[in-house]
């Protein structure tokens, strides 16, 4: 069927449709004309669809089911190579239908370039409100900070960013396990084992444990031992002095006892 014959057929159908509508408004044969009107509309749709089967839609995105919502899509370039060259507009007064729009919709979704999609980030956890687990939370830009439905501030890190884990603010003596995380596919993973992290534990570090143990038990014990050693040393130093003083005190007494012995010897001789 040539284009000229199709246009004549369409014009005849439109004229017949106008006559039927006028008859309906006049009140004659309401129910049969309504059924005939519906049948003519179906014939018009079938005719237009047959006319559009062999040709491409107009423009890079075409008309019909794609609509204007795809015009602002960031994937505009991915549709232009799929839908082909432009097509002249349909006759005036006829509904515009895209035959390839519904047929290629699934294919277009598969052909979307996912490199243009925004990053898949990871939300930084918190110990308490404002106490972030990651040390990098202090340097997160404003575009990655938002408020959730509970009006709590949330921060996100980008795909591939690292997180240096730190324990709650007042517990500097504790060591986190794991110590470092990495954002991978929207999940936090251990930076070393690459295993998804479900919980973070903070344990007292060994050096802090020994340091606190030394302060609690070792330092008092060392103080007691040092004090006892000083007292013992002072006692040992004082003992020789006492012995020397006692020896000096005993020596004159011994000399006083030995002096009368010569007199006694003289008396005994006389």
C-alpha atoms as a PDB file:
ATOM      1  CA  UNK A   1       0.000   0.000   0.000  1.00  0.00           C
ATOM      2  CA  UNK A   2       1.521   3.278  -1.058  1.00  0.00           C
ATOM      3  CA  UNK A   3       1.769   6.300   1.178  1.00  0.00           C
ATOM      4  CA  UNK A   4      -0.868   8.211  -0.841  1.00  0.00           C
ATOM      5  CA  UNK A   5      -3.427   5.443  -0.455  1.00  0.00           C
ATOM      6  CA  UNK A   6      -2.724   5.204   3.260  1.00  0.00           C
ATOM      7  CA  UNK A   7      -3.271   8.917   3.684  1.00  0.00           C
ATOM      8  CA  UNK A   8      -6.615   8.696   1.825  1.00  0.00           C
ATOM      9  CA  UNK A   9      -7.651   5.792   4.009  1.00  0.00           C
ATOM     10  CA  UNK A  10      -6.696   7.682   7.149  1.00  0.00           C
ATOM     11  CA  UNK A  11      -8.576  10.798   6.008  1.00  0.00           C
ATOM     12  CA  UNK A  12     -11.681   8.725   5.283  1.00  0.00           C
ATOM     13  CA  UNK A  13     -11.523   7.109   8.703  1.00  0.00           C
ATOM     14  CA  UNK A  14     -11.139  10.503  10.358  1.00  0.00           C
ATOM     15  CA  UNK A  15     -14.147  11.843   8.449  1.00  0.00           C
ATOM     16  CA  UNK A  16     -16.205   8.806   9.405  1.00  0.00           C
ATOM     17  CA  UNK A  17     -15.130   9.220  13.006  1.00  0.00           C
ATOM     18  CA  UNK A  18     -16.266  12.874  12.976  1.00  0.00           C
ATOM     19  CA  UNK A  19     -19.678  11.849  11.576  1.00  0.00           C
ATOM     20  CA  UNK A  20     -20.115   9.191  14.259  1.00  0.00           C
ATOM     21  CA  UNK A  21     -19.149  11.626  17.016  1.00  0.00           C
ATOM     22  CA  UNK A  22     -21.655  14.180  15.681  1.00  0.00           C
ATOM     23  CA  UNK A  23     -24.358  11.509  15.622  1.00  0.00           C
ATOM     24  CA  UNK A  24     -23.558  10.572  19.205  1.00  0.00           C
ATOM     25  CA  UNK A  25     -23.899  14.187  20.298  1.00  0.00           C
ATOM     26  CA  UNK A  26     -27.268  14.374  18.483  1.00  0.00           C
ATOM     27  CA  UNK A  27     -28.530  11.469  20.622  1.00  0.00           C
ATOM     28  CA  UNK A  28     -29.236   8.943  17.859  1.00  0.00           C
ATOM     29  CA  UNK A  29     -27.951   5.381  18.188  1.00  0.00           C
ATOM     30  CA  UNK A  30     -25.787   5.940  21.216  1.00  0.00           C
ATOM     31  CA  UNK A  31     -24.677   2.387  21.988  1.00  0.00           C
ATOM     32  CA  UNK A  32     -23.974   1.098  18.426  1.00  0.00           C
ATOM     33  CA  UNK A  33     -22.038   4.268  17.516  1.00  0.00           C
ATOM     34  CA  UNK A  34     -19.895   4.009  20.630  1.00  0.00           C
ATOM     35  CA  UNK A  35     -18.916   0.475  19.675  1.00  0.00           C
ATOM     36  CA  UNK A  36     -18.207   1.589  16.117  1.00  0.00           C
ATOM     37  CA  UNK A  37     -16.114   4.495  17.395  1.00  0.00           C
ATOM     38  CA  UNK A  38     -14.002   2.122  19.471  1.00  0.00           C
ATOM     39  CA  UNK A  39     -13.517  -0.201  16.506  1.00  0.00           C
ATOM     40  CA  UNK A  40     -12.424   2.690  14.287  1.00  0.00           C
ATOM     41  CA  UNK A  41      -9.926   3.826  16.902  1.00  0.00           C
ATOM     42  CA  UNK A  42      -8.445   0.344  16.991  1.00  0.00           C
ATOM     43  CA  UNK A  43      -8.209   0.350  13.185  1.00  0.00           C
ATOM     44  CA  UNK A  44      -6.437   3.705  13.260  1.00  0.00           C
ATOM     45  CA  UNK A  45      -3.936   2.480  15.858  1.00  0.00           C
ATOM     46  CA  UNK A  46      -3.265  -0.688  13.865  1.00  0.00           C
ATOM     47  CA  UNK A  47      -2.796   1.333  10.681  1.00  0.00           C
ATOM     48  CA  UNK A  48      -0.357   3.762  12.276  1.00  0.00           C
ATOM     49  CA  UNK A  49       1.626   0.928  13.869  1.00  0.00           C
ATOM     50  CA  UNK A  50       1.823  -0.815  10.484  1.00  0.00           C
ATOM     51  CA  UNK A  51       3.031   2.437   8.967  1.00  0.00           C
ATOM     52  CA  UNK A  52       5.790   2.823  11.569  1.00  0.00           C
ATOM     53  CA  UNK A  53       7.112  -0.766  11.527  1.00  0.00           C
ATOM     54  CA  UNK A  54       9.623  -0.323   8.710  1.00  0.00           C
ATOM     55  CA  UNK A  55      10.924   3.103   9.746  1.00  0.00           C
ATOM     56  CA  UNK A  56      12.851   4.543  12.684  1.00  0.00           C
ATOM     57  CA  UNK A  57      11.506   7.002  15.283  1.00  0.00           C
ATOM     58  CA  UNK A  58      12.231  10.685  14.987  1.00  0.00           C
ATOM     59  CA  UNK A  59      15.323  12.056  16.721  1.00  0.00           C
ATOM     60  CA  UNK A  60      17.990  10.275  18.808  1.00  0.00           C
ATOM     61  CA  UNK A  61      15.486   9.298  21.493  1.00  0.00           C
ATOM     62  CA  UNK A  62      12.322   9.162  19.351  1.00  0.00           C
ATOM     63  CA  UNK A  63       8.785   9.724  20.636  1.00  0.00           C
ATOM     64  CA  UNK A  64       6.322   7.469  22.378  1.00  0.00           C
ATOM     65  CA  UNK A  65       7.144   5.423  25.456  1.00  0.00           C
ATOM     66  CA  UNK A  66      10.650   6.862  25.977  1.00  0.00           C
ATOM     67  CA  UNK A  67       9.137  10.297  26.550  1.00  0.00           C
ATOM     68  CA  UNK A  68      10.957  13.401  27.722  1.00  0.00           C
ATOM     69  CA  UNK A  69      12.179  11.876  30.950  1.00  0.00           C
ATOM     70  CA  UNK A  70      15.089  10.260  29.144  1.00  0.00           C
ATOM     71  CA  UNK A  71      16.163  13.596  27.702  1.00  0.00           C
ATOM     72  CA  UNK A  72      17.912  14.568  30.932  1.00  0.00           C
ATOM     73  CA  UNK A  73      19.373  11.113  31.505  1.00  0.00           C
ATOM     74  CA  UNK A  74      23.181  10.945  31.839  1.00  0.00           C
ATOM     75  CA  UNK A  75      23.117   7.963  29.480  1.00  0.00           C
ATOM     76  CA  UNK A  76      21.834   9.965  26.482  1.00  0.00           C
ATOM     77  CA  UNK A  77      24.725   8.910  24.270  1.00  0.00           C
ATOM     78  CA  UNK A  78      24.013   5.216  24.806  1.00  0.00           C
ATOM     79  CA  UNK A  79      20.596   5.484  23.138  1.00  0.00           C
ATOM     80  CA  UNK A  80      21.622   7.358  19.986  1.00  0.00           C
ATOM     81  CA  UNK A  81      23.409   4.408  18.405  1.00  0.00           C
ATOM     82  CA  UNK A  82      20.558   2.020  19.206  1.00  0.00           C
ATOM     83  CA  UNK A  83      17.553   3.884  17.826  1.00  0.00           C
ATOM     84  CA  UNK A  84      19.101   4.878  14.489  1.00  0.00           C
ATOM     85  CA  UNK A  85      18.523   7.855  12.110  1.00  0.00           C
ATOM     86  CA  UNK A  86      15.602  10.334  12.369  1.00  0.00           C
ATOM     87  CA  UNK A  87      12.165   9.805  10.850  1.00  0.00           C
ATOM     88  CA  UNK A  88       9.700  12.389   9.470  1.00  0.00           C
ATOM     89  CA  UNK A  89       6.804  13.188  11.824  1.00  0.00           C
ATOM     90  CA  UNK A  90       3.508  11.325  11.554  1.00  0.00           C
ATOM     91  CA  UNK A  91       0.425  12.878   9.892  1.00  0.00           C
ATOM     92  CA  UNK A  92      -1.316  15.594  11.926  1.00  0.00           C
ATOM     93  CA  UNK A  93      -4.059  14.494  14.261  1.00  0.00           C
ATOM     94  CA  UNK A  94      -2.758  10.943  14.563  1.00  0.00           C
ATOM     95  CA  UNK A  95      -1.356   9.452  17.782  1.00  0.00           C
ATOM     96  CA  UNK A  96       2.428   9.174  17.703  1.00  0.00           C
ATOM     97  CA  UNK A  97       3.705   5.692  18.478  1.00  0.00           C
ATOM     98  CA  UNK A  98       7.243   4.368  18.461  1.00  0.00           C
ATOM     99  CA  UNK A  99       7.379   0.785  17.254  1.00  0.00           C
ATOM    100  CA  UNK A 100      10.983   0.208  18.333  1.00  0.00           C
ATOM    101  CA  UNK A 101      10.679   1.902  21.708  1.00  0.00           C
ATOM    102  CA  UNK A 102       9.017  -1.009  23.472  1.00  0.00           C
ATOM    103  CA  UNK A 103      11.051  -3.548  21.524  1.00  0.00           C
ATOM    104  CA  UNK A 104      14.477  -2.078  22.413  1.00  0.00           C
ATOM    105  CA  UNK A 105      13.803  -0.973  25.977  1.00  0.00           C
ATOM    106  CA  UNK A 106      15.353  -4.074  27.519  1.00  0.00           C
ATOM    107  CA  UNK A 107      18.353  -3.862  25.235  1.00  0.00           C
ATOM    108  CA  UNK A 108      18.896  -0.195  26.091  1.00  0.00           C
ATOM    109  CA  UNK A 109      18.960  -0.953  29.798  1.00  0.00           C
ATOM    110  CA  UNK A 110      21.649  -3.567  29.242  1.00  0.00           C
ATOM    111  CA  UNK A 111      23.730  -1.212  27.110  1.00  0.00           C
ATOM    112  CA  UNK A 112      23.899   1.550  29.740  1.00  0.00           C
ATOM    113  CA  UNK A 113      27.457   2.642  30.486  1.00  0.00           C
ATOM    114  CA  UNK A 114      27.798   2.043  34.206  1.00  0.00           C
ATOM    115  CA  UNK A 115      31.028   4.050  34.322  1.00  0.00           C
ATOM    116  CA  UNK A 116      28.864   7.174  34.509  1.00  0.00           C
ATOM    117  CA  UNK A 117      27.024   6.023  37.627  1.00  0.00           C
ATOM    118  CA  UNK A 118      27.945   7.795  40.861  1.00  0.00           C
ATOM    119  CA  UNK A 119      30.312   5.958  43.173  1.00  0.00           C
ATOM    120  CA  UNK A 120      29.093   3.304  45.576  1.00  0.00           C
ATOM    121  CA  UNK A 121      30.176   4.684  48.927  1.00  0.00           C
ATOM    122  CA  UNK A 122      30.387   3.262  52.421  1.00  0.00           C
ATOM    123  CA  UNK A 123      28.818   4.993  55.408  1.00  0.00           C
ATOM    124  CA  UNK A 124      31.305   5.635  58.220  1.00  0.00           C
ATOM    125  CA  UNK A 125      30.078   3.918  61.428  1.00  0.00           C
ATOM    126  CA  UNK A 126      29.994   5.707  64.772  1.00  0.00           C
ATOM    127  CA  UNK A 127      30.662   4.555  68.317  1.00  0.00           C
ATOM    128  CA  UNK A 128      28.347   7.271  69.580  1.00  0.00           C
ATOM    129  CA  UNK A 129      26.802  10.299  67.916  1.00  0.00           C
ATOM    130  CA  UNK A 130      29.756  12.274  66.557  1.00  0.00           C
ATOM    131  CA  UNK A 131      32.421   9.729  67.590  1.00  0.00           C
ATOM    132  CA  UNK A 132      33.440   8.289  64.195  1.00  0.00           C
ATOM    133  CA  UNK A 133      35.191   4.957  63.835  1.00  0.00           C
ATOM    134  CA  UNK A 134      37.369   6.115  60.927  1.00  0.00           C
ATOM    135  CA  UNK A 135      40.041   8.725  61.507  1.00  0.00           C
ATOM    136  CA  UNK A 136      39.455   9.948  57.926  1.00  0.00           C
ATOM    137  CA  UNK A 137      36.001  11.223  58.931  1.00  0.00           C
ATOM    138  CA  UNK A 138      37.579  14.562  59.847  1.00  0.00           C
ATOM    139  CA  UNK A 139      38.588  15.150  56.194  1.00  0.00           C
ATOM    140  CA  UNK A 140      35.367  14.057  54.434  1.00  0.00           C
ATOM    141  CA  UNK A 141      34.212  16.778  51.971  1.00  0.00           C
ATOM    142  CA  UNK A 142      30.831  18.432  52.368  1.00  0.00           C
ATOM    143  CA  UNK A 143      29.394  16.708  49.280  1.00  0.00           C
ATOM    144  CA  UNK A 144      29.740  13.357  51.090  1.00  0.00           C
ATOM    145  CA  UNK A 145      27.965  14.524  54.263  1.00  0.00           C
ATOM    146  CA  UNK A 146      24.182  14.329  54.643  1.00  0.00           C
ATOM    147  CA  UNK A 147      21.421  13.944  57.241  1.00  0.00           C
ATOM    148  CA  UNK A 148      19.413  10.721  57.396  1.00  0.00           C
ATOM    149  CA  UNK A 149      15.712  10.297  58.134  1.00  0.00           C
ATOM    150  CA  UNK A 150      16.400  10.517  61.883  1.00  0.00           C
ATOM    151  CA  UNK A 151      18.193  13.861  61.357  1.00  0.00           C
ATOM    152  CA  UNK A 152      21.560  12.360  62.244  1.00  0.00           C
ATOM    153  CA  UNK A 153      24.654  13.428  60.376  1.00  0.00           C
ATOM    154  CA  UNK A 154      26.139  10.746  58.144  1.00  0.00           C
ATOM    155  CA  UNK A 155      29.457  10.679  56.319  1.00  0.00           C
ATOM    156  CA  UNK A 156      30.497   8.477  53.397  1.00  0.00           C
ATOM    157  CA  UNK A 157      33.789   7.437  51.884  1.00  0.00           C
ATOM    158  CA  UNK A 158      34.224   6.661  48.203  1.00  0.00           C
ATOM    159  CA  UNK A 159      34.805   3.287  46.607  1.00  0.00           C
ATOM    160  CA  UNK A 160      38.357   2.134  47.356  1.00  0.00           C
ATOM    161  CA  UNK A 161      38.951   4.567  50.240  1.00  0.00           C
ATOM    162  CA  UNK A 162      40.707   3.299  53.357  1.00  0.00           C
ATOM    163  CA  UNK A 163      39.558   3.679  56.948  1.00  0.00           C
ATOM    164  CA  UNK A 164      41.988   3.823  59.854  1.00  0.00           C
ATOM    165  CA  UNK A 165      39.987   2.367  62.735  1.00  0.00           C
ATOM    166  CA  UNK A 166      40.231   3.998  66.131  1.00  0.00           C
ATOM    167  CA  UNK A 167      38.625   3.023  69.401  1.00  0.00           C
ATOM    168  CA  UNK A 168      36.162   5.230  71.294  1.00  0.00           C
ATOM    169  CA  UNK A 169      37.443   8.682  72.129  1.00  0.00           C
ATOM    170  CA  UNK A 170      38.499   8.236  75.798  1.00  0.00           C
ATOM    171  CA  UNK A 171      40.038   4.773  75.327  1.00  0.00           C
ATOM    172  CA  UNK A 172      43.430   5.501  73.836  1.00  0.00           C
ATOM    173  CA  UNK A 173      44.988   2.473  75.507  1.00  0.00           C
ATOM    174  CA  UNK A 174      42.880   0.054  73.461  1.00  0.00           C
ATOM    175  CA  UNK A 175      43.781  -1.478  70.121  1.00  0.00           C
ATOM    176  CA  UNK A 176      41.073  -2.012  67.426  1.00  0.00           C
ATOM    177  CA  UNK A 177      40.625  -5.280  65.600  1.00  0.00           C
ATOM    178  CA  UNK A 178      40.756  -5.011  62.608  1.00  0.00           C
ATOM    179  CA  UNK A 179      42.957  -1.940  62.532  1.00  0.00           C
ATOM    180  CA  UNK A 180      42.219  -0.825  58.937  1.00  0.00           C
ATOM    181  CA  UNK A 181      39.257  -1.180  56.571  1.00  0.00           C
ATOM    182  CA  UNK A 182      38.672  -0.569  52.858  1.00  0.00           C
ATOM    183  CA  UNK A 183      35.423   0.330  51.062  1.00  0.00           C
ATOM    184  CA  UNK A 184      34.711  -2.293  48.393  1.00  0.00           C
ATOM    185  CA  UNK A 185      31.384  -2.557  46.505  1.00  0.00           C
ATOM    186  CA  UNK A 186      29.540  -0.647  49.196  1.00  0.00           C
ATOM    187  CA  UNK A 187      30.834  -2.864  52.038  1.00  0.00           C
ATOM    188  CA  UNK A 188      33.571  -2.450  54.606  1.00  0.00           C
ATOM    189  CA  UNK A 189      36.258  -5.108  54.284  1.00  0.00           C
ATOM    190  CA  UNK A 190      39.407  -5.909  56.194  1.00  0.00           C
ATOM    191  CA  UNK A 191      42.241  -4.168  54.404  1.00  0.00           C
ATOM    192  CA  UNK A 192      44.516  -7.191  54.806  1.00  0.00           C
ATOM    193  CA  UNK A 193      42.246 -10.249  54.469  1.00  0.00           C
ATOM    194  CA  UNK A 194      39.605  -8.524  52.257  1.00  0.00           C
ATOM    195  CA  UNK A 195      36.857 -10.227  54.280  1.00  0.00           C
ATOM    196  CA  UNK A 196      33.609  -8.393  55.014  1.00  0.00           C
ATOM    197  CA  UNK A 197      33.755  -6.878  58.494  1.00  0.00           C
ATOM    198  CA  UNK A 198      30.692  -7.417  60.679  1.00  0.00           C
ATOM    199  CA  UNK A 199      31.985  -6.001  63.969  1.00  0.00           C
ATOM    200  CA  UNK A 200      34.930  -4.097  65.392  1.00  0.00           C
ATOM    201  CA  UNK A 201      36.428  -4.982  68.752  1.00  0.00           C
ATOM    202  CA  UNK A 202      38.663  -2.813  70.903  1.00  0.00           C
ATOM    203  CA  UNK A 203      41.017  -4.679  73.240  1.00  0.00           C
ATOM    204  CA  UNK A 204      43.593  -3.364  75.665  1.00  0.00           C
ATOM    205  CA  UNK A 205      46.951  -3.193  73.949  1.00  0.00           C
ATOM    206  CA  UNK A 206      49.765  -5.348  75.390  1.00  0.00           C
ATOM    207  CA  UNK A 207      52.083  -2.417  76.020  1.00  0.00           C
ATOM    208  CA  UNK A 208      49.363  -0.523  77.862  1.00  0.00           C
ATOM    209  CA  UNK A 209      48.524  -3.642  79.837  1.00  0.00           C
ATOM    210  CA  UNK A 210      52.113  -4.028  81.031  1.00  0.00           C
ATOM    211  CA  UNK A 211      52.453  -0.301  81.639  1.00  0.00           C
ATOM    212  CA  UNK A 212      49.317  -0.138  83.756  1.00  0.00           C
ATOM    213  CA  UNK A 213      50.315  -3.336  85.557  1.00  0.00           C
ATOM    214  CA  UNK A 214      53.714  -1.859  86.328  1.00  0.00           C
ATOM    215  CA  UNK A 215      52.136   1.332  87.657  1.00  0.00           C
ATOM    216  CA  UNK A 216      49.676  -0.630  89.767  1.00  0.00           C
ATOM    217  CA  UNK A 217      51.897  -3.355  91.188  1.00  0.00           C
ATOM    218  CA  UNK A 218      55.476  -2.980  90.036  1.00  0.00           C
ATOM    219  CA  UNK A 219      56.072   0.613  91.052  1.00  0.00           C
ATOM    220  CA  UNK A 220      54.867   0.217  94.673  1.00  0.00           C
ATOM    221  CA  UNK A 221      56.834  -3.023  94.990  1.00  0.00           C
ATOM    222  CA  UNK A 222      59.973  -1.375  93.645  1.00  0.00           C
ATOM    223  CA  UNK A 223      59.458   1.525  96.041  1.00  0.00           C
ATOM    224  CA  UNK A 224      59.179  -0.828  98.997  1.00  0.00           C
ATOM    225  CA  UNK A 225      62.260  -2.765  97.943  1.00  0.00           C
ATOM    226  CA  UNK A 226      64.229   0.443  97.418  1.00  0.00           C
ATOM    227  CA  UNK A 227      63.200   1.795 100.818  1.00  0.00           C
ATOM    228  CA  UNK A 228      64.190  -1.456 102.532  1.00  0.00           C
ATOM    229  CA  UNK A 229      67.566  -1.413 100.784  1.00  0.00           C
ATOM    230  CA  UNK A 230      68.213   2.174 101.874  1.00  0.00           C
ATOM    231  CA  UNK A 231      67.314   1.400 105.478  1.00  0.00           C
ATOM    232  CA  UNK A 232      69.531  -1.687 105.483  1.00  0.00           C
ATOM    233  CA  UNK A 233      72.423   0.263 104.039  1.00  0.00           C
ATOM    234  CA  UNK A 234      72.028   3.034 106.593  1.00  0.00           C
ATOM    235  CA  UNK A 235      71.941   0.439 109.340  1.00  0.00           C
ATOM    236  CA  UNK A 236      75.084  -1.202 108.052  1.00  0.00           C
ATOM    237  CA  UNK A 237      76.873   2.147 107.924  1.00  0.00           C
ATOM    238  CA  UNK A 238      75.791   3.042 111.464  1.00  0.00           C
ATOM    239  CA  UNK A 239      76.949  -0.256 112.994  1.00  0.00           C
ATOM    240  CA  UNK A 240      80.745   0.228 112.420  1.00  0.00           C
ATOM    241  CA  UNK A 241      80.533   3.683 114.000  1.00  0.00           C
ATOM    242  CA  UNK A 242      78.836   2.265 117.072  1.00  0.00           C
ATOM    243  CA  UNK A 243      81.451  -0.480 117.318  1.00  0.00           C
ATOM    244  CA  UNK A 244      84.284   2.053 117.090  1.00  0.00           C
ATOM    245  CA  UNK A 245      82.718   4.272 119.757  1.00  0.00           C
ATOM    246  CA  UNK A 246      82.217   1.306 122.022  1.00  0.00           C
ATOM    247  CA  UNK A 247      85.821   0.216 121.529  1.00  0.00           C
ATOM    248  CA  UNK A 248      87.105   3.701 122.351  1.00  0.00           C
ATOM    249  CA  UNK A 249      84.966   3.775 125.496  1.00  0.00           C
ATOM    250  CA  UNK A 250      86.237   0.394 126.650  1.00  0.00           C
ATOM    251  CA  UNK A 251      89.931   1.228 126.072  1.00  0.00           C
ATOM    252  CA  UNK A 252      90.324   3.920 128.881  1.00  0.00           C
ATOM    253  CA  UNK A 253      88.553   1.679 131.335  1.00  0.00           C
ATOM    254  CA  UNK A 254      90.982  -1.092 130.584  1.00  0.00           C
ATOM    255  CA  UNK A 255      93.965   1.271 131.020  1.00  0.00           C
ATOM    256  CA  UNK A 256      92.586   2.477 134.405  1.00  0.00           C
ATOM    257  CA  UNK A 257      92.439  -1.040 135.683  1.00  0.00           C
ATOM    258  CA  UNK A 258      96.049  -1.831 134.670  1.00  0.00           C
ATOM    259  CA  UNK A 259      97.730   1.199 136.476  1.00  0.00           C
ATOM    260  CA  UNK A 260      97.631  -0.082 140.145  1.00  0.00           C
ATOM    261  CA  UNK A 261      99.377  -3.299 139.278  1.00  0.00           C
ATOM    262  CA  UNK A 262     103.011  -1.917 139.646  1.00  0.00           C
ATOM    263  CA  UNK A 263     102.216  -0.493 143.131  1.00  0.00           C
ATOM    264  CA  UNK A 264     100.836  -3.746 144.208  1.00  0.00           C
ATOM    265  CA  UNK A 265     103.985  -5.422 142.968  1.00  0.00           C
ATOM    266  CA  UNK A 266     106.195  -2.964 144.980  1.00  0.00           C
ATOM    267  CA  UNK A 267     104.244  -3.503 148.153  1.00  0.00           C
ATOM    268  CA  UNK A 268     104.541  -7.183 147.725  1.00  0.00           C
ATOM    269  CA  UNK A 269     108.322  -6.893 147.307  1.00  0.00           C
ATOM    270  CA  UNK A 270     108.775  -4.795 150.502  1.00  0.00           C
END
